[in-house]
Each structure stands twice: as structure tokens, then as C-alpha cells.
Amino acid sequence: MAEQQKNSQVQQFPVEWTRIVSDQVGRVEAGLGELAKLESKTMAQAVSGLEESARYARESLAFAEKASAEWRKLVLDATRRAAAFFAPGA
């Protein structure tokens, strides 16, 4: 009787082993699926951050251009006033 039980257990081993391996593959697949979701969210956030940085860079350049134009205008005005002061007839 013990020999039959031992044989039965030996015969069940491949079935159990296949089930265990299959379960593990399923867990790995589920974990990788979750990782893919997180990766996708991370990439979306990175793209959003880059777009926001680009927007700030464009706004900064526009401000610098405006400030430079204003500075040129002030320098020209000051130069004209100085010229008028030193050469009233010019």
C-alpha cells in the first residue's frame, strides 16, 4: 500500500510542478503588466515636464527680447537727450 501511495505521489509531481510553474509565470506576467502601466505614467509625466520646461524657456526668451528692446529704446532716448543738451541746435 505504501508503495502505491509513493507511486501516486511521484506521478502527481509533474502535474503539480507544471501548475506551480504556470502560476509563477502568471505572477511575473501580472507584475510586468503593472510595471508597464507605471512606466507609461512616468513617460507621460516626463513629457509633460519637458513641455512645461519648453514653455518656460519660450516665455523667458520672449521676456528677454522685450527687455532688450526696452533697453535699446531707453539708451536711444538718453542719447538723444544728451545730444540735445550738448548740441542744442542739432
PDB file of N, CA and C in Angstrom:
ATOM      1  N   MET A   1       0.809  -1.186   0.000  1.00  0.00           N
ATOM      2  CA  MET A   1       0.000   0.000   0.000  1.00  0.00           C
ATOM      3  C   MET A   1       0.864   1.267   0.000  1.00  0.00           C
ATOM      4  N   ALA A   2       1.896   1.265   0.808  1.00  0.00           N
ATOM      5  CA  ALA A   2       2.794   2.412   0.873  1.00  0.00           C
ATOM      6  C   ALA A   2       3.463   2.628  -0.469  1.00  0.00           C
ATOM      7  N   GLU A   3       3.765   1.556  -1.149  1.00  0.00           N
ATOM      8  CA  GLU A   3       4.404   1.651  -2.465  1.00  0.00           C
ATOM      9  C   GLU A   3       3.451   2.309  -3.472  1.00  0.00           C
ATOM     10  N   GLN A   4       2.174   1.997  -3.404  1.00  0.00           N
ATOM     11  CA  GLN A   4       1.186   2.606  -4.294  1.00  0.00           C
ATOM     12  C   GLN A   4       1.056   4.104  -4.027  1.00  0.00           C
ATOM     13  N   GLN A   5       1.045   4.473  -2.746  1.00  0.00           N
ATOM     14  CA  GLN A   5       0.926   5.880  -2.382  1.00  0.00           C
ATOM     15  C   GLN A   5       2.158   6.641  -2.874  1.00  0.00           C
ATOM     16  N   LYS A   6       3.335   6.045  -2.740  1.00  0.00           N
ATOM     17  CA  LYS A   6       4.564   6.662  -3.196  1.00  0.00           C
ATOM     18  C   LYS A   6       4.532   6.846  -4.711  1.00  0.00           C
ATOM     19  N   ASN A   7       4.088   5.818  -5.416  1.00  0.00           N
ATOM     20  CA  ASN A   7       3.975   5.918  -6.873  1.00  0.00           C
ATOM     21  C   ASN A   7       2.969   6.990  -7.280  1.00  0.00           C
ATOM     22  N   SER A   8       1.886   7.085  -6.559  1.00  0.00           N
ATOM     23  CA  SER A   8       0.860   8.073  -6.855  1.00  0.00           C
ATOM     24  C   SER A   8       1.430   9.485  -6.674  1.00  0.00           C
ATOM     25  N   GLN A   9       2.187   9.684  -5.598  1.00  0.00           N
ATOM     26  CA  GLN A   9       2.791  10.987  -5.358  1.00  0.00           C
ATOM     27  C   GLN A   9       3.818  11.329  -6.443  1.00  0.00           C
ATOM     28  N   VAL A  10       4.598  10.353  -6.846  1.00  0.00           N
ATOM     29  CA  VAL A  10       5.593  10.567  -7.895  1.00  0.00           C
ATOM     30  C   VAL A  10       4.902  10.916  -9.203  1.00  0.00           C
ATOM     31  N   GLN A  11       3.786  10.279  -9.470  1.00  0.00           N
ATOM     32  CA  GLN A  11       3.055  10.559 -10.709  1.00  0.00           C
ATOM     33  C   GLN A  11       2.390  11.939 -10.673  1.00  0.00           C
ATOM     34  N   GLN A  12       2.022  12.400  -9.487  1.00  0.00           N
ATOM     35  CA  GLN A  12       1.378  13.710  -9.357  1.00  0.00           C
ATOM     36  C   GLN A  12       2.392  14.859  -9.415  1.00  0.00           C
ATOM     37  N   PHE A  13       3.635  14.557  -9.169  1.00  0.00           N
ATOM     38  CA  PHE A  13       4.650  15.611  -9.129  1.00  0.00           C
ATOM     39  C   PHE A  13       4.712  16.441 -10.413  1.00  0.00           C
ATOM     40  N   PRO A  14       4.769  15.833 -11.589  1.00  0.00           N
ATOM     41  CA  PRO A  14       4.829  16.652 -12.816  1.00  0.00           C
ATOM     42  C   PRO A  14       3.611  17.572 -12.973  1.00  0.00           C
ATOM     43  N   VAL A  15       2.438  17.069 -12.576  1.00  0.00           N
ATOM     44  CA  VAL A  15       1.224  17.877 -12.687  1.00  0.00           C
ATOM     45  C   VAL A  15       1.317  19.072 -11.739  1.00  0.00           C
ATOM     46  N   GLU A  16       1.708  18.820 -10.501  1.00  0.00           N
ATOM     47  CA  GLU A  16       1.853  19.900  -9.518  1.00  0.00           C
ATOM     48  C   GLU A  16       2.942  20.880  -9.934  1.00  0.00           C
ATOM     49  N   TRP A  17       4.047  20.350 -10.402  1.00  0.00           N
ATOM     50  CA  TRP A  17       5.162  21.202 -10.830  1.00  0.00           C
ATOM     51  C   TRP A  17       4.725  22.113 -11.975  1.00  0.00           C
ATOM     52  N   THR A  18       4.008  21.561 -12.931  1.00  0.00           N
ATOM     53  CA  THR A  18       3.502  22.353 -14.059  1.00  0.00           C
ATOM     54  C   THR A  18       2.574  23.450 -13.563  1.00  0.00           C
ATOM     55  N   ARG A  19       1.710  23.125 -12.603  1.00  0.00           N
ATOM     56  CA  ARG A  19       0.792  24.116 -12.037  1.00  0.00           C
ATOM     57  C   ARG A  19       1.567  25.226 -11.324  1.00  0.00           C
ATOM     58  N   ILE A  20       2.558  24.870 -10.536  1.00  0.00           N
ATOM     59  CA  ILE A  20       3.359  25.849  -9.799  1.00  0.00           C
ATOM     60  C   ILE A  20       4.096  26.772 -10.765  1.00  0.00           C
ATOM     61  N   VAL A  21       4.703  26.188 -11.784  1.00  0.00           N
ATOM     62  CA  VAL A  21       5.432  26.995 -12.778  1.00  0.00           C
ATOM     63  C   VAL A  21       4.470  27.909 -13.521  1.00  0.00           C
ATOM     64  N   SER A  22       3.318  27.392 -13.879  1.00  0.00           N
ATOM     65  CA  SER A  22       2.319  28.192 -14.589  1.00  0.00           C
ATOM     66  C   SER A  22       1.840  29.352 -13.715  1.00  0.00           C
ATOM     67  N   ASP A  23       1.601  29.090 -12.439  1.00  0.00           N
ATOM     68  CA  ASP A  23       1.199  30.157 -11.514  1.00  0.00           C
ATOM     69  C   ASP A  23       2.277  31.236 -11.428  1.00  0.00           C
ATOM     70  N   GLN A  24       3.521  30.802 -11.351  1.00  0.00           N
ATOM     71  CA  GLN A  24       4.624  31.761 -11.247  1.00  0.00           C
ATOM     72  C   GLN A  24       4.729  32.611 -12.511  1.00  0.00           C
ATOM     73  N   VAL A  25       4.563  31.989 -13.664  1.00  0.00           N
ATOM     74  CA  VAL A  25       4.591  32.732 -14.929  1.00  0.00           C
ATOM     75  C   VAL A  25       3.461  33.767 -14.935  1.00  0.00           C
ATOM     76  N   GLY A  26       2.299  33.378 -14.425  1.00  0.00           N
ATOM     77  CA  GLY A  26       1.172  34.311 -14.339  1.00  0.00           C
ATOM     78  C   GLY A  26       1.489  35.487 -13.432  1.00  0.00           C
ATOM     79  N   ARG A  27       2.140  35.234 -12.313  1.00  0.00           N
ATOM     80  CA  ARG A  27       2.520  36.316 -11.394  1.00  0.00           C
ATOM     81  C   ARG A  27       3.537  37.260 -12.045  1.00  0.00           C
ATOM     82  N   VAL A  28       4.506  36.684 -12.732  1.00  0.00           N
ATOM     83  CA  VAL A  28       5.511  37.509 -13.420  1.00  0.00           C
ATOM     84  C   VAL A  28       4.827  38.357 -14.494  1.00  0.00           C
ATOM     85  N   GLU A  29       3.921  37.753 -15.238  1.00  0.00           N
ATOM     86  CA  GLU A  29       3.208  38.482 -16.283  1.00  0.00           C
ATOM     87  C   GLU A  29       2.390  39.625 -15.686  1.00  0.00           C
ATOM     88  N   ALA A  30       1.707  39.382 -14.577  1.00  0.00           N
ATOM     89  CA  ALA A  30       0.919  40.430 -13.916  1.00  0.00           C
ATOM     90  C   ALA A  30       1.834  41.542 -13.408  1.00  0.00           C
ATOM     91  N   GLY A  31       2.951  41.169 -12.828  1.00  0.00           N
ATOM     92  CA  GLY A  31       3.902  42.168 -12.331  1.00  0.00           C
ATOM     93  C   GLY A  31       4.455  43.024 -13.456  1.00  0.00           C
ATOM     94  N   LEU A  32       4.793  42.390 -14.563  1.00  0.00           N
ATOM     95  CA  LEU A  32       5.315  43.147 -15.708  1.00  0.00           C
ATOM     96  C   LEU A  32       4.237  44.048 -16.312  1.00  0.00           C
ATOM     97  N   GLY A  33       2.985  43.607 -16.256  1.00  0.00           N
ATOM     98  CA  GLY A  33       1.880  44.452 -16.723  1.00  0.00           C
ATOM     99  C   GLY A  33       1.758  45.704 -15.871  1.00  0.00           C
ATOM    100  N   GLU A  34       1.868  45.545 -14.554  1.00  0.00           N
ATOM    101  CA  GLU A  34       1.832  46.699 -13.654  1.00  0.00           C
ATOM    102  C   GLU A  34       3.028  47.616 -13.907  1.00  0.00           C
ATOM    103  N   LEU A  35       4.187  47.015 -14.138  1.00  0.00           N
ATOM    104  CA  LEU A  35       5.383  47.803 -14.440  1.00  0.00           C
ATOM    105  C   LEU A  35       5.185  48.616 -15.721  1.00  0.00           C
ATOM    106  N   ALA A  36       4.557  48.024 -16.711  1.00  0.00           N
ATOM    107  CA  ALA A  36       4.290  48.735 -17.968  1.00  0.00           C
ATOM    108  C   ALA A  36       3.369  49.928 -17.728  1.00  0.00           C
ATOM    109  N   LYS A  37       2.354  49.759 -16.866  1.00  0.00           N
ATOM    110  CA  LYS A  37       1.451  50.871 -16.547  1.00  0.00           C
ATOM    111  C   LYS A  37       2.213  52.004 -15.866  1.00  0.00           C
ATOM    112  N   LEU A  38       3.046  51.648 -14.901  1.00  0.00           N
ATOM    113  CA  LEU A  38       3.834  52.665 -14.198  1.00  0.00           C
ATOM    114  C   LEU A  38       4.804  53.364 -15.145  1.00  0.00           C
ATOM    115  N   GLU A  39       5.407  52.580 -16.024  1.00  0.00           N
ATOM    116  CA  GLU A  39       6.342  53.153 -16.998  1.00  0.00           C
ATOM    117  C   GLU A  39       5.631  54.140 -17.916  1.00  0.00           C
ATOM    118  N   SER A  40       4.439  53.781 -18.322  1.00  0.00           N
ATOM    119  CA  SER A  40       3.657  54.650 -19.195  1.00  0.00           C
ATOM    120  C   SER A  40       3.325  55.968 -18.485  1.00  0.00           C
ATOM    121  N   LYS A  41       2.923  55.881 -17.219  1.00  0.00           N
ATOM    122  CA  LYS A  41       2.622  57.090 -16.447  1.00  0.00           C
ATOM    123  C   LYS A  41       3.877  57.943 -16.277  1.00  0.00           C
ATOM    124  N   THR A  42       4.996  57.287 -16.016  1.00  0.00           N
ATOM    125  CA  THR A  42       6.263  58.003 -15.836  1.00  0.00           C
ATOM    126  C   THR A  42       6.641  58.744 -17.109  1.00  0.00           C
ATOM    127  N   MET A  43       6.507  58.093 -18.243  1.00  0.00           N
ATOM    128  CA  MET A  43       6.842  58.728 -19.521  1.00  0.00           C
ATOM    129  C   MET A  43       5.920  59.912 -19.786  1.00  0.00           C
ATOM    130  N   ALA A  44       4.636  59.762 -19.482  1.00  0.00           N
ATOM    131  CA  ALA A  44       3.688  60.856 -19.689  1.00  0.00           C
ATOM    132  C   ALA A  44       4.067  62.054 -18.811  1.00  0.00           C
ATOM    133  N   GLN A  45       4.464  61.780 -17.574  1.00  0.00           N
ATOM    134  CA  GLN A  45       4.878  62.870 -16.683  1.00  0.00           C
ATOM    135  C   GLN A  45       6.165  63.519 -17.179  1.00  0.00           C
ATOM    136  N   ALA A  46       7.082  62.722 -17.685  1.00  0.00           N
ATOM    137  CA  ALA A  46       8.338  63.272 -18.209  1.00  0.00           C
ATOM    138  C   ALA A  46       8.063  64.171 -19.409  1.00  0.00           C
ATOM    139  N   VAL A  47       7.209  63.719 -20.310  1.00  0.00           N
ATOM    140  CA  VAL A  47       6.859  64.522 -21.491  1.00  0.00           C
ATOM    141  C   VAL A  47       6.189  65.821 -21.050  1.00  0.00           C
ATOM    142  N   SER A  48       5.286  65.721 -20.083  1.00  0.00           N
ATOM    143  CA  SER A  48       4.606  66.913 -19.570  1.00  0.00           C
ATOM    144  C   SER A  48       5.613  67.881 -18.960  1.00  0.00           C
ATOM    145  N   GLY A  49       6.560  67.363 -18.210  1.00  0.00           N
ATOM    146  CA  GLY A  49       7.590  68.209 -17.614  1.00  0.00           C
ATOM    147  C   GLY A  49       8.451  68.888 -18.660  1.00  0.00           C
ATOM    148  N   LEU A  50       8.802  68.145 -19.693  1.00  0.00           N
ATOM    149  CA  LEU A  50       9.602  68.730 -20.772  1.00  0.00           C
ATOM    150  C   LEU A  50       8.830  69.817 -21.513  1.00  0.00           C
ATOM    151  N   GLU A  51       7.554  69.564 -21.754  1.00  0.00           N
ATOM    152  CA  GLU A  51       6.738  70.568 -22.440  1.00  0.00           C
ATOM    153  C   GLU A  51       6.612  71.833 -21.590  1.00  0.00           C
ATOM    154  N   GLU A  52       6.447  71.651 -20.277  1.00  0.00           N
ATOM    155  CA  GLU A  52       6.346  72.805 -19.391  1.00  0.00           C
ATOM    156  C   GLU A  52       7.673  73.568 -19.346  1.00  0.00           C
ATOM    157  N   SER A  53       8.772  72.846 -19.318  1.00  0.00           N
ATOM    158  CA  SER A  53      10.091  73.494 -19.335  1.00  0.00           C
ATOM    159  C   SER A  53      10.289  74.278 -20.628  1.00  0.00           C
ATOM    160  N   ALA A  54       9.865  73.703 -21.736  1.00  0.00           N
ATOM    161  CA  ALA A  54       9.982  74.396 -23.022  1.00  0.00           C
ATOM    162  C   ALA A  54       9.127  75.660 -23.027  1.00  0.00           C
ATOM    163  N   ARG A  55       7.953  75.575 -22.430  1.00  0.00           N
ATOM    164  CA  ARG A  55       7.086  76.755 -22.356  1.00  0.00           C
ATOM    165  C   ARG A  55       7.758  77.853 -21.536  1.00  0.00           C
ATOM    166  N   TYR A  56       8.342  77.473 -20.401  1.00  0.00           N
ATOM    167  CA  TYR A  56       9.051  78.459 -19.574  1.00  0.00           C
ATOM    168  C   TYR A  56      10.234  79.061 -20.335  1.00  0.00           C
ATOM    169  N   ALA A  57      10.938  78.236 -21.080  1.00  0.00           N
ATOM    170  CA  ALA A  57      12.078  78.738 -21.863  1.00  0.00           C
ATOM    171  C   ALA A  57      11.600  79.739 -22.913  1.00  0.00           C
ATOM    172  N   ARG A  58      10.507  79.415 -23.619  1.00  0.00           N
ATOM    173  CA  ARG A  58       9.961  80.345 -24.626  1.00  0.00           C
ATOM    174  C   ARG A  58       9.534  81.658 -23.983  1.00  0.00           C
ATOM    175  N   GLU A  59       8.859  81.567 -22.831  1.00  0.00           N
ATOM    176  CA  GLU A  59       8.418  82.776 -22.142  1.00  0.00           C
ATOM    177  C   GLU A  59       9.616  83.603 -21.682  1.00  0.00           C
ATOM    178  N   SER A  60      10.654  82.931 -21.196  1.00  0.00           N
ATOM    179  CA  SER A  60      11.865  83.643 -20.756  1.00  0.00           C
ATOM    180  C   SER A  60      12.536  84.349 -21.922  1.00  0.00           C
ATOM    181  N   LEU A  61      12.618  83.679 -23.059  1.00  0.00           N
ATOM    182  CA  LEU A  61      13.221  84.299 -24.241  1.00  0.00           C
ATOM    183  C   LEU A  61      12.393  85.484 -24.719  1.00  0.00           C
ATOM    184  N   ALA A  62      11.090  85.351 -24.678  1.00  0.00           N
ATOM    185  CA  ALA A  62      10.220  86.461 -25.089  1.00  0.00           C
ATOM    186  C   ALA A  62      10.406  87.644 -24.143  1.00  0.00           C
ATOM    187  N   PHE A  63      10.511  87.365 -22.852  1.00  0.00           N
ATOM    188  CA  PHE A  63      10.730  88.440 -21.885  1.00  0.00           C
ATOM    189  C   PHE A  63      12.083  89.100 -22.114  1.00  0.00           C
ATOM    190  N   ALA A  64      13.116  88.298 -22.353  1.00  0.00           N
ATOM    191  CA  ALA A  64      14.453  88.841 -22.598  1.00  0.00           C
ATOM    192  C   ALA A  64      14.445  89.718 -23.847  1.00  0.00           C
ATOM    193  N   GLU A  65      13.742  89.290 -24.882  1.00  0.00           N
ATOM    194  CA  GLU A  65      13.652  90.079 -26.111  1.00  0.00           C
ATOM    195  C   GLU A  65      12.956  91.410 -25.846  1.00  0.00           C
ATOM    196  N   LYS A  66      11.863  91.359 -25.085  1.00  0.00           N
ATOM    197  CA  LYS A  66      11.121  92.576 -24.755  1.00  0.00           C
ATOM    198  C   LYS A  66      11.980  93.518 -23.900  1.00  0.00           C
ATOM    199  N   ALA A  67      12.681  92.962 -22.916  1.00  0.00           N
ATOM    200  CA  ALA A  67      13.540  93.773 -22.049  1.00  0.00           C
ATOM    201  C   ALA A  67      14.673  94.408 -22.860  1.00  0.00           C
ATOM    202  N   SER A  68      15.233  93.647 -23.778  1.00  0.00           N
ATOM    203  CA  SER A  68      16.307  94.170 -24.621  1.00  0.00           C
ATOM    204  C   SER A  68      15.802  95.308 -25.500  1.00  0.00           C
ATOM    205  N   ALA A  69      14.625  95.151 -26.073  1.00  0.00           N
ATOM    206  CA  ALA A  69      14.049  96.208 -26.916  1.00  0.00           C
ATOM    207  C   ALA A  69      13.792  97.456 -26.082  1.00  0.00           C
ATOM    208  N   GLU A  70      13.288  97.261 -24.879  1.00  0.00           N
ATOM    209  CA  GLU A  70      13.026  98.399 -23.993  1.00  0.00           C
ATOM    210  C   GLU A  70      14.335  99.099 -23.620  1.00  0.00           C
ATOM    211  N   TRP A  71      15.366  98.306 -23.349  1.00  0.00           N
ATOM    212  CA  TRP A  71      16.672  98.872 -23.010  1.00  0.00           C
ATOM    213  C   TRP A  71      17.229  99.688 -24.170  1.00  0.00           C
ATOM    214  N   ARG A  72      17.141  99.156 -25.392  1.00  0.00           N
ATOM    215  CA  ARG A  72      17.617  99.885 -26.570  1.00  0.00           C
ATOM    216  C   ARG A  72      16.873 101.210 -26.728  1.00  0.00           C
ATOM    217  N   LYS A  73      15.558 101.170 -26.491  1.00  0.00           N
ATOM    218  CA  LYS A  73      14.741 102.375 -26.596  1.00  0.00           C
ATOM    219  C   LYS A  73      15.191 103.409 -25.556  1.00  0.00           C
ATOM    220  N   LEU A  74      15.442 102.969 -24.324  1.00  0.00           N
ATOM    221  CA  LEU A  74      15.893 103.885 -23.275  1.00  0.00           C
ATOM    222  C   LEU A  74      17.271 104.471 -23.588  1.00  0.00           C
ATOM    223  N   VAL A  75      18.171 103.658 -24.100  1.00  0.00           N
ATOM    224  CA  VAL A  75      19.507 104.138 -24.457  1.00  0.00           C
ATOM    225  C   VAL A  75      19.412 105.177 -25.574  1.00  0.00           C
ATOM    226  N   LEU A  76      18.597 104.901 -26.578  1.00  0.00           N
ATOM    227  CA  LEU A  76      18.429 105.848 -27.680  1.00  0.00           C
ATOM    228  C   LEU A  76      17.827 107.158 -27.174  1.00  0.00           C
ATOM    229  N   ASP A  77      16.821 107.072 -26.317  1.00  0.00           N
ATOM    230  CA  ASP A  77      16.209 108.273 -25.731  1.00  0.00           C
ATOM    231  C   ASP A  77      17.238 109.083 -24.939  1.00  0.00           C
ATOM    232  N   ALA A  78      18.011 108.394 -24.119  1.00  0.00           N
ATOM    233  CA  ALA A  78      19.036 109.078 -23.311  1.00  0.00           C
ATOM    234  C   ALA A  78      20.092 109.713 -24.209  1.00  0.00           C
ATOM    235  N   THR A  79      20.464 109.024 -25.271  1.00  0.00           N
ATOM    236  CA  THR A  79      21.462 109.559 -26.204  1.00  0.00           C
ATOM    237  C   THR A  79      20.917 110.810 -26.889  1.00  0.00           C
ATOM    238  N   ARG A  80      19.673 110.792 -27.302  1.00  0.00           N
ATOM    239  CA  ARG A  80      19.063 111.961 -27.959  1.00  0.00           C
ATOM    240  C   ARG A  80      18.982 113.148 -26.985  1.00  0.00           C
ATOM    241  N   ARG A  81      18.605 112.874 -25.728  1.00  0.00           N
ATOM    242  CA  ARG A  81      18.534 113.961 -24.746  1.00  0.00           C
ATOM    243  C   ARG A  81      19.919 114.542 -24.470  1.00  0.00           C
ATOM    244  N   ALA A  82      20.913 113.664 -24.386  1.00  0.00           N
ATOM    245  CA  ALA A  82      22.287 114.145 -24.155  1.00  0.00           C
ATOM    246  C   ALA A  82      22.764 114.963 -25.343  1.00  0.00           C
ATOM    247  N   ALA A  83      22.455 114.508 -26.541  1.00  0.00           N
ATOM    248  CA  ALA A  83      22.846 115.243 -27.747  1.00  0.00           C
ATOM    249  C   ALA A  83      22.177 116.594 -27.775  1.00  0.00           C
ATOM    250  N   ALA A  84      20.904 116.653 -27.393  1.00  0.00           N
ATOM    251  CA  ALA A  84      20.170 117.925 -27.367  1.00  0.00           C
ATOM    252  C   ALA A  84      20.754 118.844 -26.316  1.00  0.00           C
ATOM    253  N   PHE A  85      21.215 118.299 -25.221  1.00  0.00           N
ATOM    254  CA  PHE A  85      21.790 119.112 -24.162  1.00  0.00           C
ATOM    255  C   PHE A  85      23.128 119.701 -24.578  1.00  0.00           C
ATOM    256  N   PHE A  86      23.976 118.865 -25.228  1.00  0.00           N
ATOM    257  CA  PHE A  86      25.317 119.300 -25.601  1.00  0.00           C
ATOM    258  C   PHE A  86      25.338 120.062 -26.932  1.00  0.00           C
ATOM    259  N   ALA A  87      24.389 119.778 -27.785  1.00  0.00           N
ATOM    260  CA  ALA A  87      24.330 120.462 -29.078  1.00  0.00           C
ATOM    261  C   ALA A  87      22.892 120.911 -29.304  1.00  0.00           C
ATOM    262  N   PRO A  88      22.484 122.010 -28.684  1.00  0.00           N
ATOM    263  CA  PRO A  88      21.085 122.432 -28.737  1.00  0.00           C
ATOM    264  C   PRO A  88      20.551 122.648 -30.155  1.00  0.00           C
ATOM    265  N   GLY A  89      21.383 122.997 -31.070  1.00  0.00           N
ATOM    266  CA  GLY A  89      20.903 123.270 -32.428  1.00  0.00           C
ATOM    267  C   GLY A  89      20.879 122.029 -33.308  1.00  0.00           C
ATOM    268  N   ALA A  90      21.347 120.940 -32.837  1.00  0.00           N
ATOM    269  CA  ALA A  90      21.450 119.732 -33.683  1.00  0.00           C
ATOM    270  C   ALA A  90      20.146 119.049 -33.887  1.00  0.00           C
TER     271      ALA A  90
END
